Structures are given as structure tokens and as C-alpha cells.
Amino acid sequence: MSEPKVKLTLWERARIVAIEAQGVKRAAAGLEHQPDIDRRVERVREQARKRANGKK
């Protein structure tokens, strides 16, 4: 089973929105495959999981 969803802070949400906005700009330019955007969003979520579990 997947892990429970971690509640993101306002700052983490803003970071994800900024990353996604960059991806939208690239998509408008014709770049469809953007694994770096996916990795950056996943990195923010992983940091949130670590924060929620009390790890550094």
C-alpha cells in the first residue's frame, strides 16, 4: 500500500506550484517529456515526508 498523504506546508505548496508553472511553460514551448520536473516535485514531497516523520 502507498504511504499516507503528508500535509504540505504553505511554502512546500508554493514550491510545487512554481515547479509546475515552469513545466507548463516548457510544455507550451513543445517539450512534452519532462522527467526533471517530476523529480523536483517528488523531492519536495520526500522532504515533506521526512519533516513529518521527524527526520533530517
PDB file of N, CA and C in Angstrom:
ATOM      1  N   MET A   1       0.836  -1.186   0.000  1.00  0.00           N
ATOM      2  CA  MET A   1       0.000   0.000   0.000  1.00  0.00           C
ATOM      3  C   MET A   1       0.874   1.240   0.000  1.00  0.00           C
ATOM      4  N   SER A   2       0.326   2.302  -0.498  1.00  0.00           N
ATOM      5  CA  SER A   2       1.079   3.548  -0.519  1.00  0.00           C
ATOM      6  C   SER A   2       1.037   4.198   0.863  1.00  0.00           C
ATOM      7  N   GLU A   3       2.013   5.061   1.074  1.00  0.00           N
ATOM      8  CA  GLU A   3       2.085   5.757   2.352  1.00  0.00           C
ATOM      9  C   GLU A   3       0.971   6.793   2.441  1.00  0.00           C
ATOM     10  N   PRO A   4       0.544   7.128   3.666  1.00  0.00           N
ATOM     11  CA  PRO A   4      -0.488   8.150   3.794  1.00  0.00           C
ATOM     12  C   PRO A   4       0.026   9.507   3.308  1.00  0.00           C
ATOM     13  N   LYS A   5      -0.886  10.313   2.838  1.00  0.00           N
ATOM     14  CA  LYS A   5      -0.512  11.628   2.330  1.00  0.00           C
ATOM     15  C   LYS A   5      -0.017  12.506   3.477  1.00  0.00           C
ATOM     16  N   VAL A   6       1.047  13.243   3.209  1.00  0.00           N
ATOM     17  CA  VAL A   6       1.603  14.162   4.190  1.00  0.00           C
ATOM     18  C   VAL A   6       1.027  15.541   3.911  1.00  0.00           C
ATOM     19  N   LYS A   7       0.640  16.231   4.958  1.00  0.00           N
ATOM     20  CA  LYS A   7       0.114  17.570   4.783  1.00  0.00           C
ATOM     21  C   LYS A   7       1.284  18.499   4.461  1.00  0.00           C
ATOM     22  N   LEU A   8       1.187  19.187   3.327  1.00  0.00           N
ATOM     23  CA  LEU A   8       2.250  20.086   2.888  1.00  0.00           C
ATOM     24  C   LEU A   8       2.077  21.457   3.527  1.00  0.00           C
ATOM     25  N   THR A   9       3.207  22.079   3.837  1.00  0.00           N
ATOM     26  CA  THR A   9       3.151  23.445   4.352  1.00  0.00           C
ATOM     27  C   THR A   9       2.854  24.393   3.200  1.00  0.00           C
ATOM     28  N   LEU A  10       2.538  25.608   3.543  1.00  0.00           N
ATOM     29  CA  LEU A  10       2.261  26.615   2.522  1.00  0.00           C
ATOM     30  C   LEU A  10       3.479  26.817   1.622  1.00  0.00           C
ATOM     31  N   TRP A  11       4.667  26.823   2.215  1.00  0.00           N
ATOM     32  CA  TRP A  11       5.899  27.001   1.441  1.00  0.00           C
ATOM     33  C   TRP A  11       6.120  25.839   0.470  1.00  0.00           C
ATOM     34  N   GLU A  12       5.875  24.621   0.929  1.00  0.00           N
ATOM     35  CA  GLU A  12       6.047  23.451   0.058  1.00  0.00           C
ATOM     36  C   GLU A  12       5.047  23.477  -1.092  1.00  0.00           C
ATOM     37  N   ARG A  13       3.827  23.880  -0.808  1.00  0.00           N
ATOM     38  CA  ARG A  13       2.832  24.001  -1.882  1.00  0.00           C
ATOM     39  C   ARG A  13       3.260  25.052  -2.898  1.00  0.00           C
ATOM     40  N   ALA A  14       3.769  26.180  -2.405  1.00  0.00           N
ATOM     41  CA  ALA A  14       4.216  27.245  -3.310  1.00  0.00           C
ATOM     42  C   ALA A  14       5.371  26.767  -4.179  1.00  0.00           C
ATOM     43  N   ARG A  15       6.286  25.982  -3.603  1.00  0.00           N
ATOM     44  CA  ARG A  15       7.397  25.442  -4.394  1.00  0.00           C
ATOM     45  C   ARG A  15       6.896  24.526  -5.495  1.00  0.00           C
ATOM     46  N   ILE A  16       5.928  23.667  -5.177  1.00  0.00           N
ATOM     47  CA  ILE A  16       5.378  22.754  -6.178  1.00  0.00           C
ATOM     48  C   ILE A  16       4.665  23.533  -7.273  1.00  0.00           C
ATOM     49  N   VAL A  17       3.911  24.557  -6.898  1.00  0.00           N
ATOM     50  CA  VAL A  17       3.214  25.370  -7.903  1.00  0.00           C
ATOM     51  C   VAL A  17       4.220  26.040  -8.828  1.00  0.00           C
ATOM     52  N   ALA A  18       5.317  26.560  -8.270  1.00  0.00           N
ATOM     53  CA  ALA A  18       6.336  27.212  -9.100  1.00  0.00           C
ATOM     54  C   ALA A  18       6.989  26.207 -10.049  1.00  0.00           C
ATOM     55  N   ILE A  19       7.272  25.016  -9.562  1.00  0.00           N
ATOM     56  CA  ILE A  19       7.870  23.974 -10.407  1.00  0.00           C
ATOM     57  C   ILE A  19       6.899  23.580 -11.517  1.00  0.00           C
ATOM     58  N   GLU A  20       5.629  23.388 -11.154  1.00  0.00           N
ATOM     59  CA  GLU A  20       4.620  23.024 -12.152  1.00  0.00           C
ATOM     60  C   GLU A  20       4.442  24.141 -13.186  1.00  0.00           C
ATOM     61  N   ALA A  21       4.512  25.399 -12.760  1.00  0.00           N
ATOM     62  CA  ALA A  21       4.385  26.519 -13.698  1.00  0.00           C
ATOM     63  C   ALA A  21       5.520  26.495 -14.707  1.00  0.00           C
ATOM     64  N   GLN A  22       6.705  26.167 -14.247  1.00  0.00           N
ATOM     65  CA  GLN A  22       7.837  26.051 -15.161  1.00  0.00           C
ATOM     66  C   GLN A  22       7.583  24.926 -16.170  1.00  0.00           C
ATOM     67  N   GLY A  23       7.004  23.839 -15.712  1.00  0.00           N
ATOM     68  CA  GLY A  23       6.672  22.732 -16.603  1.00  0.00           C
ATOM     69  C   GLY A  23       5.628  23.123 -17.637  1.00  0.00           C
ATOM     70  N   VAL A  24       4.663  23.939 -17.233  1.00  0.00           N
ATOM     71  CA  VAL A  24       3.631  24.395 -18.170  1.00  0.00           C
ATOM     72  C   VAL A  24       4.252  25.281 -19.247  1.00  0.00           C
ATOM     73  N   LYS A  25       5.180  26.139 -18.839  1.00  0.00           N
ATOM     74  CA  LYS A  25       5.854  26.997 -19.817  1.00  0.00           C
ATOM     75  C   LYS A  25       6.636  26.159 -20.826  1.00  0.00           C
ATOM     76  N   ARG A  26       7.286  25.120 -20.340  1.00  0.00           N
ATOM     77  CA  ARG A  26       8.032  24.241 -21.242  1.00  0.00           C
ATOM     78  C   ARG A  26       7.096  23.484 -22.171  1.00  0.00           C
ATOM     79  N   ALA A  27       5.965  23.039 -21.631  1.00  0.00           N
ATOM     80  CA  ALA A  27       5.001  22.306 -22.454  1.00  0.00           C
ATOM     81  C   ALA A  27       4.458  23.202 -23.559  1.00  0.00           C
ATOM     82  N   ALA A  28       4.259  24.475 -23.249  1.00  0.00           N
ATOM     83  CA  ALA A  28       3.785  25.413 -24.264  1.00  0.00           C
ATOM     84  C   ALA A  28       4.831  25.593 -25.362  1.00  0.00           C
ATOM     85  N   ALA A  29       6.089  25.410 -24.997  1.00  0.00           N
ATOM     86  CA  ALA A  29       7.172  25.530 -25.971  1.00  0.00           C
ATOM     87  C   ALA A  29       7.371  24.231 -26.756  1.00  0.00           C
ATOM     88  N   GLY A  30       6.622  23.182 -26.408  1.00  0.00           N
ATOM     89  CA  GLY A  30       6.682  21.948 -27.171  1.00  0.00           C
ATOM     90  C   GLY A  30       7.429  20.810 -26.501  1.00  0.00           C
ATOM     91  N   LEU A  31       7.910  20.996 -25.291  1.00  0.00           N
ATOM     92  CA  LEU A  31       8.607  19.918 -24.581  1.00  0.00           C
ATOM     93  C   LEU A  31       7.589  19.136 -23.749  1.00  0.00           C
ATOM     94  N   GLU A  32       7.313  17.934 -24.179  1.00  0.00           N
ATOM     95  CA  GLU A  32       6.298  17.125 -23.501  1.00  0.00           C
ATOM     96  C   GLU A  32       6.887  16.258 -22.389  1.00  0.00           C
ATOM     97  N   HIS A  33       8.027  15.647 -22.628  1.00  0.00           N
ATOM     98  CA  HIS A  33       8.651  14.729 -21.666  1.00  0.00           C
ATOM     99  C   HIS A  33       9.554  15.522 -20.741  1.00  0.00           C
ATOM    100  N   GLN A  34       9.178  15.642 -19.460  1.00  0.00           N
ATOM    101  CA  GLN A  34       9.913  16.478 -18.517  1.00  0.00           C
ATOM    102  C   GLN A  34      10.185  15.725 -17.212  1.00  0.00           C
ATOM    103  N   PRO A  35      11.071  14.751 -17.250  1.00  0.00           N
ATOM    104  CA  PRO A  35      11.321  13.973 -16.030  1.00  0.00           C
ATOM    105  C   PRO A  35      11.966  14.796 -14.914  1.00  0.00           C
ATOM    106  N   ASP A  36      12.686  15.858 -15.251  1.00  0.00           N
ATOM    107  CA  ASP A  36      13.306  16.672 -14.211  1.00  0.00           C
ATOM    108  C   ASP A  36      12.258  17.397 -13.372  1.00  0.00           C
ATOM    109  N   ILE A  37      11.172  17.823 -13.991  1.00  0.00           N
ATOM    110  CA  ILE A  37      10.086  18.466 -13.244  1.00  0.00           C
ATOM    111  C   ILE A  37       9.473  17.464 -12.273  1.00  0.00           C
ATOM    112  N   ASP A  38       9.241  16.244 -12.743  1.00  0.00           N
ATOM    113  CA  ASP A  38       8.680  15.202 -11.884  1.00  0.00           C
ATOM    114  C   ASP A  38       9.608  14.911 -10.706  1.00  0.00           C
ATOM    115  N   ARG A  39      10.909  14.845 -10.968  1.00  0.00           N
ATOM    116  CA  ARG A  39      11.876  14.578  -9.894  1.00  0.00           C
ATOM    117  C   ARG A  39      11.891  15.707  -8.874  1.00  0.00           C
ATOM    118  N   ARG A  40      11.803  16.951  -9.333  1.00  0.00           N
ATOM    119  CA  ARG A  40      11.820  18.088  -8.411  1.00  0.00           C
ATOM    120  C   ARG A  40      10.585  18.099  -7.517  1.00  0.00           C
ATOM    121  N   VAL A  41       9.429  17.797  -8.088  1.00  0.00           N
ATOM    122  CA  VAL A  41       8.200  17.738  -7.286  1.00  0.00           C
ATOM    123  C   VAL A  41       8.296  16.595  -6.286  1.00  0.00           C
ATOM    124  N   GLU A  42       8.787  15.456  -6.727  1.00  0.00           N
ATOM    125  CA  GLU A  42       8.938  14.308  -5.830  1.00  0.00           C
ATOM    126  C   GLU A  42       9.928  14.622  -4.703  1.00  0.00           C
ATOM    127  N   ARG A  43      10.980  15.373  -5.003  1.00  0.00           N
ATOM    128  CA  ARG A  43      11.952  15.756  -3.980  1.00  0.00           C
ATOM    129  C   ARG A  43      11.297  16.617  -2.901  1.00  0.00           C
ATOM    130  N   VAL A  44      10.432  17.549  -3.301  1.00  0.00           N
ATOM    131  CA  VAL A  44       9.722  18.390  -2.326  1.00  0.00           C
ATOM    132  C   VAL A  44       8.824  17.521  -1.454  1.00  0.00           C
ATOM    133  N   ARG A  45       8.117  16.577  -2.078  1.00  0.00           N
ATOM    134  CA  ARG A  45       7.229  15.695  -1.313  1.00  0.00           C
ATOM    135  C   ARG A  45       8.014  14.784  -0.372  1.00  0.00           C
ATOM    136  N   GLU A  46       9.181  14.319  -0.818  1.00  0.00           N
ATOM    137  CA  GLU A  46      10.022  13.465   0.034  1.00  0.00           C
ATOM    138  C   GLU A  46      10.528  14.255   1.237  1.00  0.00           C
ATOM    139  N   GLN A  47      10.918  15.498   1.008  1.00  0.00           N
ATOM    140  CA  GLN A  47      11.353  16.347   2.125  1.00  0.00           C
ATOM    141  C   GLN A  47      10.211  16.569   3.112  1.00  0.00           C
ATOM    142  N   ALA A  48       8.994  16.712   2.612  1.00  0.00           N
ATOM    143  CA  ALA A  48       7.830  16.876   3.485  1.00  0.00           C
ATOM    144  C   ALA A  48       7.593  15.613   4.309  1.00  0.00           C
ATOM    145  N   ARG A  49       7.762  14.438   3.674  1.00  0.00           N
ATOM    146  CA  ARG A  49       7.611  13.173   4.415  1.00  0.00           C
ATOM    147  C   ARG A  49       8.645  13.077   5.529  1.00  0.00           C
ATOM    148  N   LYS A  50       9.888  13.448   5.206  1.00  0.00           N
ATOM    149  CA  LYS A  50      10.943  13.398   6.233  1.00  0.00           C
ATOM    150  C   LYS A  50      10.635  14.366   7.366  1.00  0.00           C
ATOM    151  N   ARG A  51      10.148  15.564   7.012  1.00  0.00           N
ATOM    152  CA  ARG A  51       9.808  16.558   8.032  1.00  0.00           C
ATOM    153  C   ARG A  51       8.692  16.024   8.922  1.00  0.00           C
ATOM    154  N   ALA A  52       7.689  15.400   8.320  1.00  0.00           N
ATOM    155  CA  ALA A  52       6.553  14.896   9.085  1.00  0.00           C
ATOM    156  C   ALA A  52       6.961  13.740  10.003  1.00  0.00           C
ATOM    157  N   ASN A  53       7.961  12.975   9.582  1.00  0.00           N
ATOM    158  CA  ASN A  53       8.406  11.843  10.406  1.00  0.00           C
ATOM    159  C   ASN A  53       9.500  12.239  11.390  1.00  0.00           C
ATOM    160  N   GLY A  54       9.918  13.494  11.377  1.00  0.00           N
ATOM    161  CA  GLY A  54      10.898  13.971  12.326  1.00  0.00           C
ATOM    162  C   GLY A  54      12.327  13.647  11.949  1.00  0.00           C
ATOM    163  N   LYS A  55      12.599  13.338  10.688  1.00  0.00           N
ATOM    164  CA  LYS A  55      13.961  13.029  10.237  1.00  0.00           C
ATOM    165  C   LYS A  55      14.540  14.239   9.526  1.00  0.00           C
ATOM    166  N   LYS A  56      15.855  14.329   9.553  1.00  0.00           N
ATOM    167  CA  LYS A  56      16.506  15.430   8.829  1.00  0.00           C
ATOM    168  C   LYS A  56      17.103  14.966   7.572  1.00  0.00           C
TER     169      LYS A  56
END
